[in-house]
Amino acid sequence: MRPGFFPSITWHPNQTVDLTIRGSYGSGSDYFDNGIPFIARPASGTNIVAVGSTANVPLSGNFVDSHSNWERIHQFDIRPTLTVRLAEDWSLRLTYKYFYVTSPVPLDEVYAGDADSAGDLGRFGFLTDYSHHKTDQVVADLPGKFPLGKIKNTFLVGFDFLKDFGAYDYNTVCPATINIHAPDYNQPILTGADCLGSGLGYNRLGYLAYGGYIQDLAELPWHIFVLGGVRMNWAESFETFTGVFEGTSDVHERPANPRAGLLWQANDHVSLYGSYSSNYGNSALGSNSPGQRFLPPESANQVEFGAKTEWFDRRLTASTAIYRIIKHNVPAPDPSNPEVTIAIGTARTQGVEFDVAGQVTNAVRVIASYSNLQAVTTSDTNSILSTGIPSEQGLAFPSIPHVTGSLWATWEPRQGQLRGLRLGGGLNGHAGEQAYQTYYDVNFNPLGLEADRIGSTAIVHLMAGYEHAWSRARISAQVNIGNLTNRHYFSNVNVGQAQPGAPFNILPALEIKF
């Protein structure tokens, strides 16, 4: 159970000034499931030397101790926003946000590779008795509109500032090996000299960034829209650690990120567009990286082309897009250790997606989507010889499905005695997802990568709801039914574990507005 409070207050001292203050407070606990481990078989290949399949155990199985893998959470934030209308089409917006969270994990247990042929599964764990993180953020921007001859301009200029700070401790421990067919839970946990790599450490880390940006969207004659903008970034990261690892590391970056776009509304039914954008991110603060060193900052650029159509007075809409995204220094799980994050040199994602929505009758609406993408690691400087981590270069990027799709239909009468009733149903599916872990010989020497794969799946969902106005209140009730056929499936895969999808479930909701 996680109680929470979300107060909000707005003050209008006059017609030109608005002040809104929002806040929240929440506390509780979260439990994370390690999923189902894999069993490997050798395979002949250059990069892939083994293939893993999920162990033949119930999907409800969880092979960590009962008192592990939960975290206590307390968080608080406050967000005042001041808006000053300087002119009819110009407003100055000032926003400040303060966020604080503490989330210690008394014992985090993970699987140490595959289960063997007898079902024995090694495990290791981490203790985090102290963990907190706080953020200060300031955003000031000035949006506005102005004409320039026959050209209509929507303009934006702004500045933002972000300061992150966190601290946590850590200690490696060694839970006993467990058999997945006859698990014996809550055995003694080894620490100190009895546990390889055990040691207490303390980390302090932070991220300071600020930037300025300017952008203009120009509406030209002949229904042509041109977007141009640029953002300048200044960023500095730091991290100090004591205990198992000693030292200080930092990263300084000052990149510029342009963006541009072009849209042509050819007629009332068809619009064509193209865009380019780039971004810059921080260096995955808080990640447990090799040697507790900073990962390099992540950056990306994207090119996209697409078309959007509307027909029959917008009763039928459709869109399609093709895109390519190049990312550098992408954080990814270490195949040798799911608790450690490494940076993969370059990853390329490209694909095509379709969306279509149609109002079949006044009461029936159908929505469908499909996406086919190819995510590939194009550059990875890791190697068994240099870093002890097998290279993933040339392989599909981990934990991303190649194909996703959905189909959903709703029936909502607009008149008559059944007005207010909503019925809906559909399915979601995905296919082609895999992840990797290091495959070892009997002497624990790394041989290469093991590919762990999960099967494709399509899950059926239903929905029923009813809305009615009663006096000054509007009452809305809805029931969502997930996985109607109670299909056993895996929703995603990560290093050494497959996460079971939710079984048949019912989620009721009731909302009353006055």
Protein backbone atom coordinates (compact mmCIF):
# COMPACT_ATOMS: atom_id res chain seq x y z
CA MET A 1 0.00 0.00 0.00
CA ARG A 2 1.33 3.45 -0.88
CA PRO A 3 -0.70 6.40 0.44
CA GLY A 4 -0.15 9.72 -1.29
CA PHE A 5 -1.25 13.34 -1.21
CA PHE A 6 -1.36 15.67 -4.22
CA PRO A 7 -2.38 19.19 -3.13
CA SER A 8 -2.70 22.03 -5.64
CA ILE A 9 -3.58 25.71 -5.30
CA THR A 10 -3.96 28.47 -7.90
CA TRP A 11 -4.00 32.22 -7.27
CA HIS A 12 -5.11 34.89 -9.81
CA PRO A 13 -4.23 38.27 -8.25
CA ASN A 14 -5.14 40.02 -11.53
CA GLN A 15 -5.75 39.35 -15.22
CA THR A 16 -2.05 39.18 -16.11
CA VAL A 17 -0.59 37.01 -13.34
CA ASP A 18 -1.27 33.37 -12.42
CA LEU A 19 0.47 31.44 -9.67
CA THR A 20 -0.05 27.70 -9.29
CA ILE A 21 1.62 25.56 -6.62
CA ARG A 22 1.46 21.80 -6.91
CA GLY A 23 2.96 19.28 -4.58
CA SER A 24 2.91 15.63 -3.64
CA TYR A 25 3.93 13.30 -0.87
CA GLY A 26 4.01 9.52 -0.94
CA SER A 27 5.37 6.66 1.09
CA GLY A 28 5.25 2.90 0.93
CA SER A 29 7.25 0.01 -0.45
CA ASP A 30 7.92 -1.64 -3.79
CA TYR A 31 8.80 -5.27 -4.47
CA PHE A 32 10.66 -6.30 -7.62
CA ASP A 33 10.39 -9.80 -9.09
CA ASN A 34 13.49 -11.44 -10.58
CA GLY A 35 11.43 -13.53 -12.98
CA ILE A 36 12.35 -16.95 -14.35
CA PRO A 37 15.99 -18.00 -14.94
CA PHE A 38 17.34 -19.60 -18.11
CA ILE A 39 19.01 -22.91 -18.90
CA ALA A 40 21.63 -22.74 -21.67
CA ARG A 41 22.74 -25.08 -24.41
CA PRO A 42 25.91 -24.53 -26.49
CA ALA A 43 25.53 -23.16 -30.02
CA SER A 44 27.91 -22.73 -32.92
CA GLY A 45 28.47 -19.07 -33.74
CA THR A 46 30.94 -16.22 -33.69
CA ASN A 47 29.32 -13.88 -31.18
CA ILE A 48 26.59 -16.19 -29.87
CA VAL A 49 28.12 -19.33 -28.35
CA ALA A 50 25.03 -20.47 -26.41
CA VAL A 51 21.25 -20.10 -26.49
CA GLY A 52 19.12 -19.91 -23.36
CA SER A 53 15.55 -21.10 -22.83
CA THR A 54 13.41 -20.39 -19.78
CA ALA A 55 13.55 -23.01 -17.04
CA ASN A 56 10.60 -25.39 -16.81
CA VAL A 57 9.17 -24.03 -13.57
CA PRO A 58 5.84 -22.34 -12.72
CA LEU A 59 5.64 -18.70 -13.82
CA SER A 60 4.87 -17.78 -10.21
CA GLY A 61 8.29 -19.08 -9.16
CA ASN A 62 10.69 -16.59 -7.60
CA PHE A 63 14.05 -17.84 -6.40
CA VAL A 64 15.13 -15.16 -3.97
CA ASP A 65 14.67 -15.12 -0.22
CA SER A 66 11.36 -13.92 1.20
CA HIS A 67 12.85 -10.91 3.00
CA SER A 68 14.71 -9.57 -0.06
CA ASN A 69 14.03 -7.36 -3.10
CA TRP A 70 11.83 -4.73 -1.59
CA GLU A 71 12.52 -1.06 -0.98
CA ARG A 72 11.04 1.49 1.40
CA ILE A 73 10.11 4.69 -0.41
CA HIS A 74 9.42 8.19 0.88
CA GLN A 75 9.20 11.02 -1.63
CA PHE A 76 8.17 14.65 -1.72
CA ASP A 77 8.03 17.36 -4.36
CA ILE A 78 6.77 20.92 -4.79
CA ARG A 79 6.31 22.75 -8.13
CA PRO A 80 5.35 26.46 -8.16
CA THR A 81 4.66 27.97 -11.61
CA LEU A 82 4.30 31.70 -12.27
CA THR A 83 2.79 32.91 -15.57
CA VAL A 84 2.88 36.59 -16.54
CA ARG A 85 1.01 37.69 -19.67
CA LEU A 86 3.16 40.42 -21.18
CA ALA A 87 0.97 40.94 -24.26
CA GLU A 88 -1.87 39.24 -26.08
CA ASP A 89 0.33 36.52 -27.59
CA TRP A 90 3.30 36.63 -25.23
CA SER A 91 3.62 35.04 -21.78
CA LEU A 92 6.58 34.60 -19.47
CA ARG A 93 6.56 31.28 -17.60
CA LEU A 94 8.74 30.59 -14.56
CA THR A 95 8.75 27.12 -12.98
CA TYR A 96 10.67 25.71 -10.05
CA LYS A 97 10.66 22.07 -8.94
CA TYR A 98 12.13 20.46 -5.85
CA PHE A 99 12.05 16.67 -5.56
CA TYR A 100 13.36 14.43 -2.80
CA VAL A 101 13.20 10.64 -2.50
CA THR A 102 14.75 8.09 -0.18
CA SER A 103 14.60 4.41 -1.19
CA PRO A 104 16.95 2.05 0.68
CA VAL A 105 16.96 -1.64 -0.28
CA PRO A 106 17.85 -3.81 2.75
CA LEU A 107 18.70 -6.81 0.54
CA ASP A 108 18.69 -7.03 -3.27
CA GLU A 109 19.23 -10.56 -4.61
CA VAL A 110 19.83 -11.38 -8.29
CA TYR A 111 20.59 -14.52 -10.25
CA ALA A 112 24.26 -15.23 -10.93
CA GLY A 113 23.81 -16.64 -14.43
CA ASP A 114 21.80 -19.71 -15.51
CA ALA A 115 20.47 -22.65 -13.58
CA ASP A 116 22.51 -25.77 -14.35
CA SER A 117 21.15 -29.11 -15.60
CA ALA A 118 20.39 -30.18 -12.01
CA GLY A 119 18.46 -26.97 -11.35
CA ASP A 120 21.03 -25.31 -9.09
CA LEU A 121 21.03 -21.50 -9.40
CA GLY A 122 23.75 -19.25 -8.03
CA ARG A 123 22.81 -15.88 -6.55
CA PHE A 124 24.50 -12.77 -5.25
CA GLY A 125 23.16 -9.72 -3.45
CA PHE A 126 23.66 -6.12 -2.37
CA LEU A 127 22.76 -4.23 0.79
CA THR A 128 21.77 -0.57 0.52
CA ASP A 129 20.81 0.75 3.96
CA TYR A 130 21.02 4.40 2.94
CA SER A 131 19.89 5.97 -0.32
CA HIS A 132 18.55 9.42 -1.10
CA HIS A 133 18.25 11.65 -4.14
CA LYS A 134 17.15 15.26 -4.58
CA THR A 135 16.61 17.50 -7.57
CA ASP A 136 16.35 21.27 -8.04
CA GLN A 137 15.08 22.44 -11.42
CA VAL A 138 14.30 25.90 -12.81
CA VAL A 139 12.72 26.60 -16.20
CA ALA A 140 12.08 30.05 -17.68
CA ASP A 141 10.64 30.38 -21.17
CA LEU A 142 8.93 32.98 -23.31
CA PRO A 143 6.53 31.64 -25.95
CA GLY A 144 4.88 34.04 -28.35
CA LYS A 145 3.41 34.64 -31.80
CA PHE A 146 4.15 37.36 -34.33
CA PRO A 147 3.63 37.93 -38.09
CA LEU A 148 6.43 38.71 -40.52
CA GLY A 149 4.75 39.79 -43.72
CA LYS A 150 2.66 36.81 -44.79
CA ILE A 151 4.59 34.48 -42.52
CA LYS A 152 3.07 33.53 -39.17
CA ASN A 153 5.64 32.71 -36.49
CA THR A 154 5.31 30.77 -33.25
CA PHE A 155 8.42 31.60 -31.28
CA LEU A 156 10.01 30.15 -28.15
CA VAL A 157 13.12 31.16 -26.22
CA GLY A 158 14.09 29.85 -22.82
CA PHE A 159 16.61 28.76 -20.24
CA ASP A 160 16.69 25.89 -17.76
CA PHE A 161 18.83 24.78 -14.85
CA LEU A 162 19.03 21.34 -13.25
CA LYS A 163 20.91 20.16 -10.19
CA ASP A 164 20.80 16.52 -9.12
CA PHE A 165 22.44 15.13 -6.02
CA GLY A 166 22.37 11.62 -4.58
CA ALA A 167 24.12 9.44 -2.05
CA TYR A 168 23.95 5.77 -1.20
CA ASP A 169 25.92 2.99 0.44
CA TYR A 170 26.45 -0.54 -0.82
CA ASN A 171 27.77 -3.87 0.38
CA THR A 172 28.10 -7.09 -1.61
CA VAL A 173 26.87 -10.31 0.00
CA CYS A 174 26.57 -13.92 -1.18
CA PRO A 175 23.26 -15.76 -0.72
CA ALA A 176 23.47 -19.55 -0.92
CA THR A 177 22.87 -21.44 -4.16
CA ILE A 178 19.24 -22.51 -4.54
CA ASN A 179 17.64 -25.34 -6.49
CA ILE A 180 14.78 -24.13 -8.69
CA HIS A 181 12.96 -27.50 -8.51
CA ALA A 182 13.23 -27.85 -4.72
CA PRO A 183 14.00 -24.37 -3.37
CA ASP A 184 15.28 -24.01 0.19
CA TYR A 185 14.76 -20.36 1.12
CA ASN A 186 16.32 -18.14 3.77
CA GLN A 187 19.62 -19.98 4.14
CA PRO A 188 22.54 -18.14 5.81
CA ILE A 189 24.03 -15.35 3.67
CA LEU A 190 27.81 -15.13 3.44
CA THR A 191 29.54 -11.78 4.04
CA GLY A 192 33.04 -10.47 4.57
CA ALA A 193 35.95 -12.76 3.68
CA ASP A 194 33.55 -15.65 2.95
CA CYS A 195 32.00 -13.67 0.06
CA LEU A 196 34.17 -12.83 -2.95
CA GLY A 197 34.05 -9.09 -3.65
CA SER A 198 32.32 -8.24 -0.38
CA GLY A 199 32.94 -4.79 1.00
CA LEU A 200 31.20 -1.69 2.24
CA GLY A 201 31.24 1.43 0.10
CA TYR A 202 29.67 4.88 0.03
CA ASN A 203 28.86 6.95 -3.03
CA ARG A 204 28.09 10.64 -3.54
CA LEU A 205 27.17 11.74 -7.04
CA GLY A 206 25.71 14.77 -8.74
CA TYR A 207 24.81 16.37 -12.02
CA LEU A 208 24.75 20.08 -12.81
CA ALA A 209 23.34 21.21 -16.14
CA TYR A 210 21.95 24.36 -17.67
CA GLY A 211 21.05 25.35 -21.18
CA GLY A 212 19.48 27.93 -23.41
CA TYR A 213 17.26 27.23 -26.38
CA ILE A 214 15.54 29.10 -29.18
CA GLN A 215 12.99 27.82 -31.68
CA ASP A 216 10.64 29.16 -34.33
CA LEU A 217 7.78 27.53 -36.21
CA ALA A 218 7.02 29.51 -39.38
CA GLU A 219 3.78 29.06 -41.32
CA LEU A 220 4.51 29.93 -44.96
CA PRO A 221 2.16 30.31 -47.91
CA TRP A 222 0.95 27.17 -49.70
CA HIS A 223 0.41 25.40 -46.35
CA ILE A 224 4.12 24.90 -45.66
CA PHE A 225 5.41 24.85 -42.07
CA VAL A 226 9.12 25.14 -41.22
CA LEU A 227 10.59 24.46 -37.78
CA GLY A 228 14.10 25.42 -36.72
CA GLY A 229 15.83 25.60 -33.38
CA VAL A 230 18.96 24.96 -31.40
CA ARG A 231 19.79 24.19 -27.79
CA MET A 232 23.12 24.93 -26.11
CA ASN A 233 24.04 22.66 -23.21
CA TRP A 234 26.51 23.06 -20.36
CA ALA A 235 26.81 20.04 -18.11
CA GLU A 236 29.06 18.79 -15.34
CA SER A 237 28.88 15.49 -13.46
CA PHE A 238 30.79 14.35 -10.42
CA GLU A 239 31.04 11.22 -8.33
CA THR A 240 33.08 10.37 -5.25
CA PHE A 241 33.21 6.95 -3.65
CA THR A 242 34.92 5.38 -0.69
CA GLY A 243 35.22 1.82 0.52
CA VAL A 244 35.56 -0.97 -2.04
CA PHE A 245 36.61 1.58 -4.68
CA GLU A 246 38.41 4.81 -3.88
CA GLY A 247 38.52 7.95 -5.98
CA THR A 248 36.70 10.74 -7.75
CA SER A 249 35.52 10.99 -11.33
CA ASP A 250 33.86 13.75 -13.33
CA VAL A 251 32.57 14.52 -16.81
CA HIS A 252 32.22 17.93 -18.47
CA GLU A 253 30.22 18.45 -21.68
CA ARG A 254 29.17 21.50 -23.73
CA PRO A 255 27.44 20.24 -26.90
CA ALA A 256 24.95 22.03 -29.15
CA ASN A 257 21.81 20.25 -30.36
CA PRO A 258 20.03 21.54 -33.48
CA ARG A 259 16.58 20.49 -34.65
CA ALA A 260 14.64 21.14 -37.85
CA GLY A 261 11.42 20.10 -39.47
CA LEU A 262 9.34 20.63 -42.61
CA LEU A 263 5.62 19.89 -43.06
CA TRP A 264 3.53 20.35 -46.19
CA GLN A 265 -0.23 20.11 -45.99
CA ALA A 266 -0.77 19.05 -49.60
CA ASN A 267 -4.57 19.22 -49.32
CA ASP A 268 -7.34 18.81 -46.78
CA HIS A 269 -6.63 15.09 -46.53
CA VAL A 270 -2.86 14.58 -46.72
CA SER A 271 0.13 16.07 -44.90
CA LEU A 272 3.77 15.12 -45.50
CA TYR A 273 6.61 15.84 -43.10
CA GLY A 274 10.29 15.32 -42.40
CA SER A 275 12.34 16.15 -39.31
CA TYR A 276 15.79 16.03 -37.77
CA SER A 277 16.52 16.26 -34.06
CA SER A 278 19.40 15.64 -31.71
CA ASN A 279 19.71 15.40 -27.96
CA TYR A 280 22.20 15.07 -25.18
CA GLY A 281 21.77 13.26 -21.88
CA ASN A 282 23.69 12.91 -18.66
CA SER A 283 25.94 10.00 -17.78
CA ALA A 284 23.45 7.57 -16.18
CA LEU A 285 23.86 8.85 -12.64
CA GLY A 286 23.39 6.26 -9.93
CA SER A 287 24.15 3.31 -12.16
CA ASN A 288 26.48 0.66 -10.79
CA SER A 289 29.17 0.83 -13.49
CA PRO A 290 32.42 -1.18 -13.78
CA GLY A 291 34.88 0.11 -11.20
CA GLN A 292 32.18 2.55 -10.02
CA ARG A 293 33.36 4.97 -12.74
CA PHE A 294 31.20 7.41 -14.64
CA LEU A 295 29.67 6.21 -17.86
CA PRO A 296 30.15 8.64 -20.77
CA PRO A 297 27.18 10.93 -21.53
CA GLU A 298 24.57 9.57 -23.94
CA SER A 299 23.69 11.45 -27.13
CA ALA A 300 21.46 10.74 -30.13
CA ASN A 301 20.18 12.07 -33.43
CA GLN A 302 17.03 11.12 -35.32
CA VAL A 303 15.75 11.50 -38.87
CA GLU A 304 12.08 10.83 -39.59
CA PHE A 305 9.78 11.06 -42.61
CA GLY A 306 6.06 10.44 -42.57
CA ALA A 307 2.56 11.13 -43.80
CA LYS A 308 -0.76 11.79 -42.09
CA THR A 309 -4.20 11.51 -43.69
CA GLU A 310 -7.78 12.41 -42.74
CA TRP A 311 -10.91 11.32 -44.61
CA PHE A 312 -14.71 11.40 -44.29
CA ASP A 313 -14.81 14.44 -42.04
CA ARG A 314 -12.05 12.93 -39.82
CA ARG A 315 -13.99 9.69 -39.31
CA LEU A 316 -10.94 7.89 -40.74
CA THR A 317 -7.39 8.93 -39.85
CA ALA A 318 -4.10 7.20 -40.61
CA SER A 319 -0.41 7.93 -40.28
CA THR A 320 2.85 6.24 -41.20
CA ALA A 321 6.48 7.04 -40.49
CA ILE A 322 9.94 5.73 -41.25
CA TYR A 323 12.82 6.71 -39.00
CA ARG A 324 16.43 6.14 -38.07
CA ILE A 325 17.89 6.86 -34.62
CA ILE A 326 21.62 6.74 -33.86
CA LYS A 327 22.54 6.65 -30.18
CA HIS A 328 26.02 6.88 -28.69
CA ASN A 329 27.15 5.57 -25.30
CA VAL A 330 23.84 3.80 -24.69
CA PRO A 331 23.58 2.42 -21.11
CA ALA A 332 22.90 -1.33 -21.15
CA PRO A 333 23.09 -4.18 -18.62
CA ASP A 334 26.45 -5.88 -18.28
CA PRO A 335 26.03 -9.43 -19.69
CA SER A 336 28.23 -10.67 -16.83
CA ASN A 337 26.26 -8.95 -14.07
CA PRO A 338 22.67 -7.61 -14.28
CA GLU A 339 23.36 -5.19 -11.42
CA VAL A 340 26.10 -3.41 -13.41
CA THR A 341 25.50 -0.94 -16.24
CA ILE A 342 27.93 -0.53 -19.13
CA ALA A 343 28.01 1.84 -22.10
CA ILE A 344 27.65 0.34 -25.58
CA GLY A 345 29.43 2.47 -28.18
CA THR A 346 26.74 3.03 -30.82
CA ALA A 347 23.27 1.62 -31.44
CA ARG A 348 21.13 2.15 -34.53
CA THR A 349 17.36 1.84 -34.51
CA GLN A 350 15.41 2.09 -37.74
CA GLY A 351 11.94 1.03 -38.69
CA VAL A 352 8.46 1.82 -39.86
CA GLU A 353 5.20 2.27 -37.99
CA PHE A 354 1.52 2.59 -38.95
CA ASP A 355 -1.52 3.85 -37.07
CA VAL A 356 -5.12 3.89 -38.28
CA ALA A 357 -8.33 4.90 -36.50
CA GLY A 358 -11.82 4.70 -37.92
CA GLN A 359 -15.29 5.66 -36.73
CA VAL A 360 -17.11 2.69 -38.29
CA THR A 361 -20.53 3.83 -37.03
CA ASN A 362 -21.65 6.56 -34.65
CA ALA A 363 -21.11 4.10 -31.80
CA VAL A 364 -18.22 1.90 -32.98
CA ARG A 365 -14.60 3.02 -33.25
CA VAL A 366 -11.59 0.87 -34.24
CA ILE A 367 -7.91 1.69 -33.60
CA ALA A 368 -4.98 -0.35 -34.91
CA SER A 369 -1.19 0.11 -34.81
CA TYR A 370 1.85 -1.78 -36.06
CA SER A 371 5.57 -1.19 -35.66
CA ASN A 372 8.54 -3.01 -37.16
CA LEU A 373 11.95 -1.89 -35.99
CA GLN A 374 15.48 -3.15 -36.21
CA ALA A 375 17.69 -2.12 -33.30
CA VAL A 376 21.33 -3.13 -33.79
CA THR A 377 24.50 -2.49 -31.80
CA THR A 378 26.79 -1.10 -34.51
CA SER A 379 29.83 -0.41 -32.33
CA ASP A 380 30.91 -1.95 -29.04
CA THR A 381 34.48 -1.57 -27.82
CA ASN A 382 34.10 -4.20 -25.09
CA SER A 383 35.86 -7.54 -25.53
CA ILE A 384 36.65 -10.54 -23.36
CA LEU A 385 40.38 -9.84 -23.66
CA SER A 386 40.29 -6.11 -22.81
CA THR A 387 37.35 -5.69 -20.42
CA GLY A 388 36.16 -9.24 -19.69
CA ILE A 389 32.79 -8.30 -21.24
CA PRO A 390 31.85 -9.95 -24.56
CA SER A 391 31.19 -7.53 -27.43
CA GLU A 392 27.61 -7.15 -28.68
CA GLN A 393 28.64 -5.49 -31.94
CA GLY A 394 26.48 -6.59 -34.87
CA LEU A 395 23.77 -8.08 -32.65
CA ALA A 396 20.21 -6.94 -32.05
CA PHE A 397 20.09 -4.43 -29.19
CA PRO A 398 18.92 -6.24 -26.03
CA SER A 399 15.39 -6.21 -24.61
CA ILE A 400 13.70 -4.53 -27.59
CA PRO A 401 10.99 -6.41 -29.57
CA HIS A 402 11.28 -6.30 -33.36
CA VAL A 403 7.52 -6.24 -33.90
CA THR A 404 4.72 -4.72 -31.83
CA GLY A 405 1.07 -4.31 -32.70
CA SER A 406 -2.35 -3.64 -31.23
CA LEU A 407 -5.99 -3.73 -32.25
CA TRP A 408 -8.74 -2.13 -30.17
CA ALA A 409 -12.46 -1.54 -30.75
CA THR A 410 -14.99 0.34 -28.62
CA TRP A 411 -18.78 0.55 -28.67
CA GLU A 412 -20.24 3.68 -27.07
CA PRO A 413 -23.86 4.58 -27.93
CA ARG A 414 -24.38 8.33 -28.31
CA GLN A 415 -28.12 8.32 -27.71
CA GLY A 416 -30.97 6.21 -26.38
CA GLN A 417 -31.29 4.33 -23.13
CA LEU A 418 -27.77 2.90 -23.40
CA ARG A 419 -26.10 6.30 -23.65
CA GLY A 420 -23.17 6.45 -21.22
CA LEU A 421 -22.29 2.77 -21.64
CA ARG A 422 -18.81 1.86 -22.95
CA LEU A 423 -17.65 -1.57 -24.08
CA GLY A 424 -14.26 -2.30 -25.55
CA GLY A 425 -11.91 -5.10 -26.40
CA GLY A 426 -8.73 -5.85 -28.27
CA LEU A 427 -5.28 -7.33 -28.16
CA ASN A 428 -1.63 -6.30 -27.81
CA GLY A 429 1.27 -8.31 -29.14
CA HIS A 430 5.05 -8.32 -29.54
CA ALA A 431 7.71 -10.59 -31.02
CA GLY A 432 11.46 -10.92 -31.49
CA GLU A 433 12.85 -9.87 -28.10
CA GLN A 434 16.09 -11.20 -26.66
CA ALA A 435 18.83 -10.30 -24.20
CA TYR A 436 22.36 -11.48 -23.56
CA GLN A 437 24.51 -12.78 -20.75
CA THR A 438 28.07 -14.06 -20.58
CA TYR A 439 28.47 -17.80 -21.15
CA TYR A 440 31.20 -19.54 -19.10
CA ASP A 441 32.96 -22.89 -19.20
CA VAL A 442 33.18 -25.24 -16.20
CA ASN A 443 36.16 -23.26 -14.88
CA PHE A 444 34.21 -20.00 -15.07
CA ASN A 445 36.18 -18.66 -18.02
CA PRO A 446 34.06 -16.44 -20.31
CA LEU A 447 33.54 -17.97 -23.77
CA GLY A 448 31.23 -15.39 -25.34
CA LEU A 449 27.60 -14.36 -25.33
CA GLU A 450 24.50 -16.39 -24.57
CA ALA A 451 21.31 -15.24 -26.29
CA ASP A 452 18.21 -15.56 -24.09
CA ARG A 453 14.97 -15.37 -26.07
CA ILE A 454 11.27 -15.25 -25.25
CA GLY A 455 8.42 -16.21 -27.53
CA SER A 456 6.01 -13.94 -29.37
CA THR A 457 2.63 -13.34 -27.79
CA ALA A 458 -0.73 -11.62 -28.22
CA ILE A 459 -2.87 -10.83 -25.17
CA VAL A 460 -6.62 -10.15 -25.14
CA HIS A 461 -8.07 -7.36 -22.97
CA LEU A 462 -11.66 -6.20 -22.32
CA MET A 463 -13.20 -3.08 -20.84
CA ALA A 464 -16.70 -2.09 -19.68
CA GLY A 465 -17.75 1.24 -18.24
CA TYR A 466 -20.71 3.46 -17.54
CA GLU A 467 -20.97 7.22 -16.95
CA HIS A 468 -24.00 9.04 -15.56
CA ALA A 469 -24.78 12.53 -14.31
CA TRP A 470 -26.61 12.64 -11.00
CA SER A 471 -27.54 16.02 -9.53
CA ARG A 472 -24.29 18.04 -9.51
CA ALA A 473 -22.08 14.96 -9.63
CA ARG A 474 -20.83 12.95 -12.58
CA ILE A 475 -20.23 9.32 -11.73
CA SER A 476 -18.02 7.10 -13.87
CA ALA A 477 -17.45 3.40 -13.22
CA GLN A 478 -15.20 1.13 -15.26
CA VAL A 479 -13.89 -2.44 -15.13
CA ASN A 480 -10.75 -3.46 -17.04
CA ILE A 481 -10.08 -7.16 -17.63
CA GLY A 482 -6.49 -7.99 -18.53
CA ASN A 483 -5.30 -11.21 -20.17
CA LEU A 484 -8.81 -12.55 -20.65
CA THR A 485 -7.64 -16.04 -21.67
CA ASN A 486 -5.15 -16.23 -18.78
CA ARG A 487 -2.34 -16.89 -21.23
CA HIS A 488 1.06 -17.77 -19.77
CA TYR A 489 3.64 -15.53 -21.41
CA PHE A 490 6.73 -13.42 -20.79
CA SER A 491 6.40 -9.66 -21.05
CA ASN A 492 10.13 -8.87 -21.39
CA VAL A 493 13.60 -10.34 -20.99
CA ASN A 494 16.73 -8.98 -19.32
CA VAL A 495 20.14 -10.33 -18.33
CA GLY A 496 19.55 -13.86 -17.08
CA GLN A 497 15.83 -13.54 -16.41
CA ALA A 498 12.49 -13.53 -18.21
CA GLN A 499 9.70 -11.49 -16.63
CA PRO A 500 6.30 -13.28 -16.59
CA GLY A 501 3.37 -11.26 -17.85
CA ALA A 502 0.37 -10.56 -15.65
CA PRO A 503 -2.19 -13.40 -15.47
CA PHE A 504 -5.94 -12.87 -15.77
CA ASN A 505 -6.77 -9.80 -13.71
CA ILE A 506 -9.66 -7.45 -13.02
CA LEU A 507 -9.17 -3.77 -12.20
CA PRO A 508 -12.29 -1.80 -11.15
CA ALA A 509 -12.32 2.00 -10.95
CA LEU A 510 -14.86 4.50 -9.67
CA GLU A 511 -14.64 8.26 -10.19
CA ILE A 512 -16.97 10.96 -8.83
CA LYS A 513 -16.67 14.57 -9.99
CA PHE A 514 -18.56 17.49 -8.44
